[in-house]
Amino acid sequence: MNRLRAHLCRLLLGTLLCLPLVASALDVALVMSQRSGSAQAFADAFTTAAVASGHRVTRVEKVGGVLDEAALAGADLVIANGEAALAAVLATSSRPTLGVMLGRARFEVLNARYPQAELSAFTLDQPAARQMRLLRAVLPESEHVGVLFGGAQAGAKPLQDAAAAFGLDIAAATVASEAELIVRLEAVLRRSDAFVAIPDALLSRPASARAILLTSYRFQKPVFAFSRAYVEAGALAAVFTTPQQVATDVVNWMNGHPPGRLTLPARRAPESFEIAVNRQVARALGILLPSDEELLRLVAEGDKS
């Protein structure tokens, strides 16, 4: 009898050890906006990590321009991958929905359009303090930083508050159209040691980004940006989050969710991030950069404080 009891205990222990290490496994409907680029990279990384953690993931796409409502209705959580996917979900479903792979400004537009929706997001915009730490790590003697805002002034107050906390004066201007860009930018650059590019819908257009880079270089002012592509195009440095890191952040939140009814988190900025620098631009501007590892350490240390 004792041997049988011991054998049953071993079987039970083995079964428990094989269970997924999550507080509560979820049925997730992942709604796609496109099958390429960053959206696809997020989808692949998320599906792999979520399934490995014991969650169930069903990819949902439009068929004949319409989402599969039954697939959405049966999900504990709907993850809308991109702005177009989020707009389609909000027009179709009332399930708890998490937007990913979109900026804060676009999320807030949709959130205001559907005020009754059970909705949150993991947005791509970096915390303003993280951006200022990168600038300080690269240019410790800087005093004035320039920035342009779109007509909606998205992100203006957090950036101004973060700059003030780091002892930096903001030279800012608002741009309502591409026709105003160069004039406003030149006025800002004359009063700045560096320029911070933000992911605004108008100012992030390829033509606008190119104008910002060329004009800033003419003024010999470094640009701090929000993507690796921006750095490769000529910005000095950027702090950004990859689709794979967004997927990790989302799955970590899902894994820590307690059993019971799903409660969405407040909208979140990225927890994970990377640094990119353009050392050719740094040499052209006469700026001596720390190593990539040192920059990452300096920026990450501030997140822990």
Protein backbone atom coordinates (compact mmCIF):
# COMPACT_ATOMS: atom_id res chain seq x y z
CA MET A 1 0.00 0.00 0.00
CA ASN A 2 2.80 2.40 0.91
CA ARG A 3 4.54 1.61 -2.39
CA LEU A 4 1.30 2.30 -4.29
CA ARG A 5 0.81 5.57 -2.42
CA ALA A 6 4.39 6.60 -3.18
CA HIS A 7 3.95 5.71 -6.86
CA LEU A 8 0.74 7.76 -7.08
CA CYS A 9 2.48 10.70 -5.43
CA ARG A 10 5.30 10.54 -7.99
CA LEU A 11 2.76 10.47 -10.83
CA LEU A 12 0.91 13.47 -9.38
CA LEU A 13 4.14 15.41 -8.92
CA GLY A 14 5.16 14.66 -12.50
CA THR A 15 1.80 15.88 -13.78
CA LEU A 16 2.06 19.13 -11.82
CA LEU A 17 5.56 19.78 -13.10
CA CYS A 18 4.30 19.42 -16.69
CA LEU A 19 1.56 22.03 -16.30
CA PRO A 20 2.16 25.42 -17.97
CA LEU A 21 3.85 27.92 -15.67
CA VAL A 22 1.07 30.51 -15.95
CA ALA A 23 -1.46 31.68 -13.42
CA SER A 24 -4.30 31.24 -15.91
CA ALA A 25 -4.08 30.05 -19.53
CA LEU A 26 -5.99 32.24 -21.98
CA ASP A 27 -7.76 31.73 -25.30
CA VAL A 28 -6.39 34.56 -27.45
CA ALA A 29 -7.68 35.79 -30.80
CA LEU A 30 -4.83 37.52 -32.63
CA VAL A 31 -6.22 39.87 -35.29
CA MET A 32 -3.80 40.72 -38.09
CA SER A 33 -3.65 43.96 -40.05
CA GLN A 34 -1.04 42.70 -42.51
CA ARG A 35 1.08 39.64 -43.19
CA SER A 36 4.47 41.28 -43.51
CA GLY A 37 6.98 43.53 -41.80
CA SER A 38 6.77 44.38 -38.13
CA ALA A 39 3.19 43.08 -37.80
CA GLN A 40 4.23 39.63 -38.98
CA ALA A 41 7.35 39.69 -36.79
CA PHE A 42 5.20 40.42 -33.74
CA ALA A 43 2.67 37.73 -34.66
CA ASP A 44 5.31 35.05 -35.07
CA ALA A 45 7.15 35.91 -31.86
CA PHE A 46 3.94 36.28 -29.85
CA THR A 47 2.41 33.02 -31.04
CA THR A 48 5.58 31.05 -30.28
CA ALA A 49 5.98 32.50 -26.78
CA ALA A 50 2.29 32.39 -25.85
CA VAL A 51 1.82 28.75 -26.93
CA ALA A 52 5.02 27.74 -25.12
CA SER A 53 3.51 29.28 -21.96
CA GLY A 54 0.31 27.24 -22.30
CA HIS A 55 -1.99 29.82 -23.88
CA ARG A 56 -4.07 29.07 -26.98
CA VAL A 57 -3.74 31.44 -29.93
CA THR A 58 -6.03 31.67 -32.96
CA ARG A 59 -5.12 34.04 -35.78
CA VAL A 60 -8.13 35.91 -37.13
CA GLU A 61 -8.12 37.74 -40.46
CA LYS A 62 -10.75 39.45 -42.55
CA VAL A 63 -12.65 37.21 -44.94
CA GLY A 64 -14.47 39.22 -47.57
CA GLY A 65 -13.69 42.36 -45.60
CA VAL A 66 -15.35 41.02 -42.41
CA LEU A 67 -13.81 39.63 -39.22
CA ASP A 68 -14.90 36.23 -37.92
CA GLU A 69 -17.17 37.32 -35.05
CA ALA A 70 -17.48 33.78 -33.69
CA ALA A 71 -13.70 33.51 -33.29
CA LEU A 72 -13.64 36.82 -31.44
CA ALA A 73 -16.64 35.98 -29.23
CA GLY A 74 -14.98 32.79 -27.96
CA ALA A 75 -11.74 34.50 -26.91
CA ASP A 76 -10.77 35.54 -23.40
CA LEU A 77 -8.63 38.24 -24.97
CA VAL A 78 -8.46 39.83 -28.42
CA ILE A 79 -5.06 41.18 -29.45
CA ALA A 80 -5.28 43.67 -32.33
CA ASN A 81 -1.99 43.77 -34.21
CA GLY A 82 -1.75 47.29 -35.65
CA GLU A 83 -4.02 50.30 -35.97
CA ALA A 84 -6.15 48.88 -38.82
CA ALA A 85 -6.69 45.65 -36.89
CA LEU A 86 -7.70 47.56 -33.77
CA ALA A 87 -10.20 49.69 -35.70
CA ALA A 88 -11.73 46.54 -37.22
CA VAL A 89 -12.03 44.80 -33.85
CA LEU A 90 -13.64 47.78 -32.14
CA ALA A 91 -16.22 47.98 -34.92
CA THR A 92 -17.01 44.26 -34.57
CA SER A 93 -16.46 42.94 -31.05
CA SER A 94 -17.01 43.87 -27.41
CA ARG A 95 -14.46 41.37 -26.04
CA PRO A 96 -11.53 42.65 -23.91
CA THR A 97 -9.09 44.00 -26.48
CA LEU A 98 -5.40 44.83 -26.33
CA GLY A 99 -3.87 46.93 -29.10
CA VAL A 100 -0.23 46.38 -30.05
CA MET A 101 2.22 47.70 -32.66
CA LEU A 102 0.76 51.20 -32.79
CA GLY A 103 1.57 54.61 -31.36
CA ARG A 104 -0.06 56.24 -28.37
CA ALA A 105 -1.66 59.06 -30.37
CA ARG A 106 -3.44 56.70 -32.77
CA PHE A 107 -4.55 54.49 -29.90
CA GLU A 108 -6.04 57.45 -28.05
CA VAL A 109 -8.00 58.48 -31.17
CA LEU A 110 -9.61 55.02 -31.33
CA ASN A 111 -10.11 54.90 -27.58
CA ALA A 112 -12.02 58.19 -27.73
CA ARG A 113 -14.10 56.89 -30.62
CA TYR A 114 -15.18 53.82 -28.62
CA PRO A 115 -15.39 55.07 -25.01
CA GLN A 116 -17.39 52.04 -23.80
CA ALA A 117 -14.92 49.47 -25.15
CA GLU A 118 -12.96 47.27 -22.76
CA LEU A 119 -9.68 48.38 -24.24
CA SER A 120 -6.00 48.95 -23.53
CA ALA A 121 -2.71 48.84 -25.41
CA PHE A 122 1.01 48.19 -25.29
CA THR A 123 2.06 51.21 -27.38
CA LEU A 124 5.39 51.72 -29.13
CA ASP A 125 6.18 55.23 -27.84
CA GLN A 126 9.15 55.27 -25.48
CA PRO A 127 8.78 56.97 -22.08
CA ALA A 128 9.99 60.55 -22.40
CA ALA A 129 12.42 60.11 -19.49
CA ARG A 130 14.07 57.20 -21.31
CA GLN A 131 14.60 59.41 -24.37
CA MET A 132 16.11 62.17 -22.22
CA ARG A 133 18.46 59.69 -20.52
CA LEU A 134 19.79 58.65 -23.92
CA LEU A 135 20.32 62.28 -24.91
CA ARG A 136 22.10 63.01 -21.63
CA ALA A 137 24.30 59.91 -22.00
CA VAL A 138 25.41 61.07 -25.47
CA LEU A 139 25.53 64.83 -24.84
CA PRO A 140 26.11 65.35 -21.10
CA GLU A 141 26.82 69.09 -21.55
CA SER A 142 23.72 69.89 -23.60
CA GLU A 143 21.32 72.54 -22.30
CA HIS A 144 18.68 73.05 -25.01
CA VAL A 145 16.78 70.41 -26.97
CA GLY A 146 14.53 71.07 -29.94
CA VAL A 147 11.33 69.28 -30.83
CA LEU A 148 8.45 69.70 -33.26
CA PHE A 149 4.90 68.64 -32.43
CA GLY A 150 2.02 67.97 -34.77
CA GLY A 151 -1.19 69.92 -34.51
CA ALA A 152 -2.58 67.61 -31.81
CA GLN A 153 0.45 68.27 -29.56
CA ALA A 154 0.65 64.52 -28.84
CA GLY A 155 3.25 63.75 -26.20
CA ALA A 156 4.11 67.41 -25.57
CA LYS A 157 3.63 67.55 -21.79
CA PRO A 158 5.48 64.29 -20.89
CA LEU A 159 8.44 65.37 -23.02
CA GLN A 160 8.50 68.86 -21.54
CA ASP A 161 8.29 67.47 -18.01
CA ALA A 162 11.06 64.93 -18.66
CA ALA A 163 13.33 67.57 -20.19
CA ALA A 164 12.83 69.82 -17.18
CA ALA A 165 13.67 66.94 -14.83
CA PHE A 166 17.00 66.51 -16.65
CA GLY A 167 17.78 70.21 -16.58
CA LEU A 168 17.08 70.70 -20.28
CA ASP A 169 15.27 73.62 -21.86
CA ILE A 170 12.78 72.70 -24.59
CA ALA A 171 12.72 74.75 -27.79
CA ALA A 172 9.43 73.64 -29.35
CA ALA A 173 7.20 74.56 -32.26
CA THR A 174 3.96 73.20 -33.69
CA VAL A 175 3.68 72.10 -37.31
CA ALA A 176 0.22 71.91 -38.85
CA SER A 177 1.31 71.03 -42.42
CA GLU A 178 4.37 69.91 -44.36
CA ALA A 179 4.60 73.41 -45.86
CA GLU A 180 5.47 74.80 -42.40
CA LEU A 181 8.05 72.15 -41.56
CA ILE A 182 11.32 73.72 -42.67
CA VAL A 183 10.59 77.20 -41.30
CA ARG A 184 9.53 75.83 -37.89
CA LEU A 185 12.43 73.38 -37.81
CA GLU A 186 15.06 76.01 -38.59
CA ALA A 187 13.70 78.27 -35.84
CA VAL A 188 13.90 75.41 -33.33
CA LEU A 189 17.40 74.31 -34.40
CA ARG A 190 18.81 77.81 -33.92
CA ARG A 191 17.92 77.53 -30.23
CA SER A 192 18.95 73.90 -29.67
CA ASP A 193 21.96 71.68 -29.06
CA ALA A 194 20.11 68.63 -30.40
CA PHE A 195 16.76 67.67 -31.91
CA VAL A 196 14.35 64.95 -30.71
CA ALA A 197 12.14 63.43 -33.40
CA ILE A 198 8.81 62.06 -32.16
CA PRO A 199 6.52 59.51 -33.85
CA ASP A 200 3.90 62.01 -34.98
CA ALA A 201 1.69 61.04 -37.94
CA LEU A 202 2.69 64.14 -39.94
CA LEU A 203 6.32 64.44 -38.87
CA SER A 204 7.07 60.72 -39.31
CA ARG A 205 6.22 60.65 -43.01
CA PRO A 206 9.24 59.70 -45.15
CA ALA A 207 9.40 63.16 -46.75
CA SER A 208 9.19 64.88 -43.34
CA ALA A 209 11.82 62.63 -41.77
CA ARG A 210 14.17 63.25 -44.71
CA ALA A 211 13.70 67.02 -44.38
CA ILE A 212 14.38 66.86 -40.63
CA LEU A 213 17.60 64.88 -41.13
CA LEU A 214 18.95 67.06 -43.95
CA THR A 215 18.13 70.35 -42.23
CA SER A 216 19.49 69.21 -38.86
CA TYR A 217 22.73 68.07 -40.50
CA ARG A 218 23.04 71.44 -42.26
CA PHE A 219 22.78 73.07 -38.83
CA GLN A 220 25.23 70.46 -37.41
CA LYS A 221 22.70 69.40 -34.79
CA PRO A 222 22.31 65.69 -33.91
CA VAL A 223 18.91 64.02 -34.17
CA PHE A 224 17.63 61.59 -31.54
CA ALA A 225 14.95 59.36 -33.03
CA PHE A 226 12.62 56.44 -32.30
CA SER A 227 13.61 53.63 -34.68
CA ARG A 228 16.63 51.79 -36.05
CA ALA A 229 15.59 52.80 -39.58
CA TYR A 230 15.73 56.49 -38.60
CA VAL A 231 19.28 56.00 -37.29
CA GLU A 232 20.34 54.15 -40.43
CA ALA A 233 18.96 57.09 -42.44
CA GLY A 234 21.09 59.62 -40.55
CA ALA A 235 19.86 60.21 -36.99
CA LEU A 236 22.58 60.03 -34.34
CA ALA A 237 20.84 57.68 -31.92
CA ALA A 238 17.51 56.14 -31.00
CA VAL A 239 15.86 54.14 -28.26
CA PHE A 240 13.22 51.79 -29.63
CA THR A 241 11.38 48.53 -29.06
CA THR A 242 11.36 45.63 -31.51
CA PRO A 243 8.25 43.60 -32.40
CA GLN A 244 9.81 40.63 -30.62
CA GLN A 245 10.23 42.68 -27.45
CA VAL A 246 6.61 43.84 -27.60
CA ALA A 247 5.59 40.18 -27.87
CA THR A 248 7.68 39.32 -24.80
CA ASP A 249 6.15 42.17 -22.79
CA VAL A 250 2.61 41.05 -23.68
CA VAL A 251 3.22 37.37 -22.90
CA ASN A 252 4.88 38.26 -19.58
CA TRP A 253 1.75 40.21 -18.62
CA MET A 254 -0.50 37.33 -19.70
CA ASN A 255 1.55 34.84 -17.71
CA GLY A 256 1.18 36.89 -14.55
CA HIS A 257 -2.56 37.37 -14.86
CA PRO A 258 -4.42 35.75 -11.92
CA PRO A 259 -7.25 33.24 -12.45
CA GLY A 260 -10.73 34.67 -12.87
CA ARG A 261 -12.15 37.35 -15.08
CA LEU A 262 -9.54 39.02 -17.27
CA THR A 263 -8.65 42.57 -16.24
CA LEU A 264 -6.80 44.64 -18.78
CA PRO A 265 -3.81 46.70 -17.64
CA ALA A 266 -3.65 50.46 -18.08
CA ARG A 267 -2.10 51.52 -21.38
CA ARG A 268 1.61 50.77 -21.21
CA ALA A 269 4.78 52.08 -22.78
CA PRO A 270 7.37 49.44 -23.71
CA GLU A 271 9.28 47.78 -20.88
CA SER A 272 11.92 46.22 -23.16
CA PHE A 273 14.01 48.35 -25.51
CA GLU A 274 17.18 48.61 -27.57
CA ILE A 275 19.63 51.36 -28.47
CA ALA A 276 20.91 52.15 -31.98
CA VAL A 277 23.66 54.66 -32.81
CA ASN A 278 25.14 55.95 -36.06
CA ARG A 279 28.86 56.30 -35.45
CA GLN A 280 29.50 57.72 -38.91
CA VAL A 281 27.18 60.62 -38.11
CA ALA A 282 28.84 60.99 -34.70
CA ARG A 283 32.28 61.35 -36.33
CA ALA A 284 30.92 63.88 -38.84
CA LEU A 285 29.50 65.97 -35.97
CA GLY A 286 32.60 65.57 -33.80
CA ILE A 287 30.73 63.67 -31.07
CA LEU A 288 32.54 60.99 -29.06
CA LEU A 289 30.06 58.22 -28.26
CA PRO A 290 30.24 55.71 -25.42
CA SER A 291 30.02 52.04 -26.40
CA ASP A 292 26.61 50.60 -27.25
CA GLU A 293 26.77 48.52 -24.06
CA GLU A 294 27.53 51.57 -21.93
CA LEU A 295 24.72 53.59 -23.49
CA LEU A 296 22.26 50.76 -22.90
CA ARG A 297 23.42 50.46 -19.29
CA LEU A 298 23.04 54.20 -18.65
CA VAL A 299 19.54 54.30 -20.11
CA ALA A 300 18.42 51.07 -18.42
CA GLU A 301 19.69 52.12 -14.99
CA GLY A 302 17.25 55.01 -14.96
CA ASP A 303 14.33 52.64 -15.52
CA LYS A 304 15.21 50.87 -12.25
CA SER A 305 15.33 54.00 -10.13
